[in-house]
Amino acid sequence: MKLTAGMGKPMSAAFLGGKPIPALPTQVQALNSFIVCYNLTKLYLPIFIIRQDERTGDVFILAGEETIVLISPNGERRFL
């Protein structure tokens, strides 16, 4: 079955319904995100935002009032 985007036009693999498919975190980023969030909640810090930067591919985590963690696509963690 071939996906079409109305009027019988084939859809690109990078688009779904005319909207770009967001990039997904790498397996290393996903594992490190879980580990970081687990450790932050053990410190009773609330996690407010987990977001992937579309430009760099970094995962951004905001916990508590001022704890920021960036996880690069290769899994490197930086606490800011």
Protein backbone atom coordinates (compact mmCIF):
# COMPACT_ATOMS: atom_id res chain seq x y z
CA MET A 1 0.00 0.00 0.00
CA LYS A 2 1.37 3.40 -0.99
CA LEU A 3 0.69 6.43 1.22
CA THR A 4 -0.73 9.42 -0.59
CA ALA A 5 -1.22 13.01 0.55
CA GLY A 6 -4.54 13.85 -1.11
CA MET A 7 -5.08 14.20 -4.87
CA GLY A 8 -3.16 10.92 -5.31
CA LYS A 9 0.26 12.51 -4.73
CA PRO A 10 2.75 10.16 -3.00
CA MET A 11 3.92 11.27 0.46
CA SER A 12 7.56 11.73 1.24
CA ALA A 13 9.00 9.46 3.93
CA ALA A 14 10.07 12.56 5.87
CA PHE A 15 6.56 14.04 5.93
CA LEU A 16 3.27 12.83 7.30
CA GLY A 17 0.12 14.76 6.50
CA GLY A 18 2.13 17.72 5.20
CA LYS A 19 4.00 18.10 8.51
CA PRO A 20 7.65 17.06 8.99
CA ILE A 21 8.18 14.05 11.24
CA PRO A 22 10.19 15.20 14.28
CA ALA A 23 13.60 13.65 14.82
CA LEU A 24 13.71 11.01 17.53
CA PRO A 25 16.40 10.77 20.19
CA THR A 26 19.12 8.19 19.66
CA GLN A 27 19.07 5.03 21.81
CA VAL A 28 21.97 6.38 23.87
CA GLN A 29 20.14 9.68 24.42
CA ALA A 30 16.95 7.89 25.45
CA LEU A 31 18.79 5.71 27.98
CA ASN A 32 20.77 8.64 29.39
CA SER A 33 17.60 10.76 29.60
CA PHE A 34 15.94 8.05 31.67
CA ILE A 35 18.97 7.72 33.96
CA VAL A 36 19.25 11.51 34.45
CA CYS A 37 15.51 11.90 35.14
CA TYR A 38 15.60 8.96 37.56
CA ASN A 39 18.50 10.48 39.50
CA LEU A 40 16.94 13.97 39.51
CA THR A 41 13.68 12.65 40.96
CA LYS A 42 15.64 10.77 43.65
CA LEU A 43 16.80 14.27 44.69
CA TYR A 44 13.11 15.35 44.77
CA LEU A 45 13.57 17.76 41.87
CA PRO A 46 10.51 18.19 39.67
CA ILE A 47 11.13 17.77 35.95
CA PHE A 48 9.45 20.55 33.97
CA ILE A 49 10.66 20.11 30.39
CA ILE A 50 12.20 17.35 28.29
CA ARG A 51 12.67 18.50 24.70
CA GLN A 52 14.91 17.73 21.75
CA ASP A 53 16.58 20.70 20.08
CA GLU A 54 15.72 20.38 16.39
CA ARG A 55 18.85 22.24 15.29
CA THR A 56 21.51 20.35 17.25
CA GLY A 57 19.72 17.10 18.15
CA ASP A 58 20.54 17.61 21.86
CA VAL A 59 17.99 16.52 24.47
CA PHE A 60 17.25 19.39 26.89
CA ILE A 61 16.04 18.64 30.43
CA LEU A 62 14.93 21.35 32.86
CA ALA A 63 14.52 20.18 36.45
CA GLY A 64 13.86 22.23 39.55
CA GLU A 65 14.38 25.96 39.30
CA GLU A 66 17.80 26.00 37.68
CA THR A 67 19.07 22.52 36.86
CA ILE A 68 19.62 22.12 33.11
CA VAL A 69 21.00 18.99 31.47
CA LEU A 70 21.95 18.68 27.80
CA ILE A 71 22.46 15.23 26.31
CA SER A 72 24.22 15.18 22.93
CA PRO A 73 23.37 12.58 20.24
CA ASN A 74 26.46 10.57 21.23
CA GLY A 75 25.22 10.39 24.86
CA GLU A 76 27.52 12.97 26.43
CA ARG A 77 25.81 14.67 29.39
CA ARG A 78 26.44 18.31 30.31
CA PHE A 79 25.01 19.86 33.47
CA LEU A 80 24.60 23.63 33.13
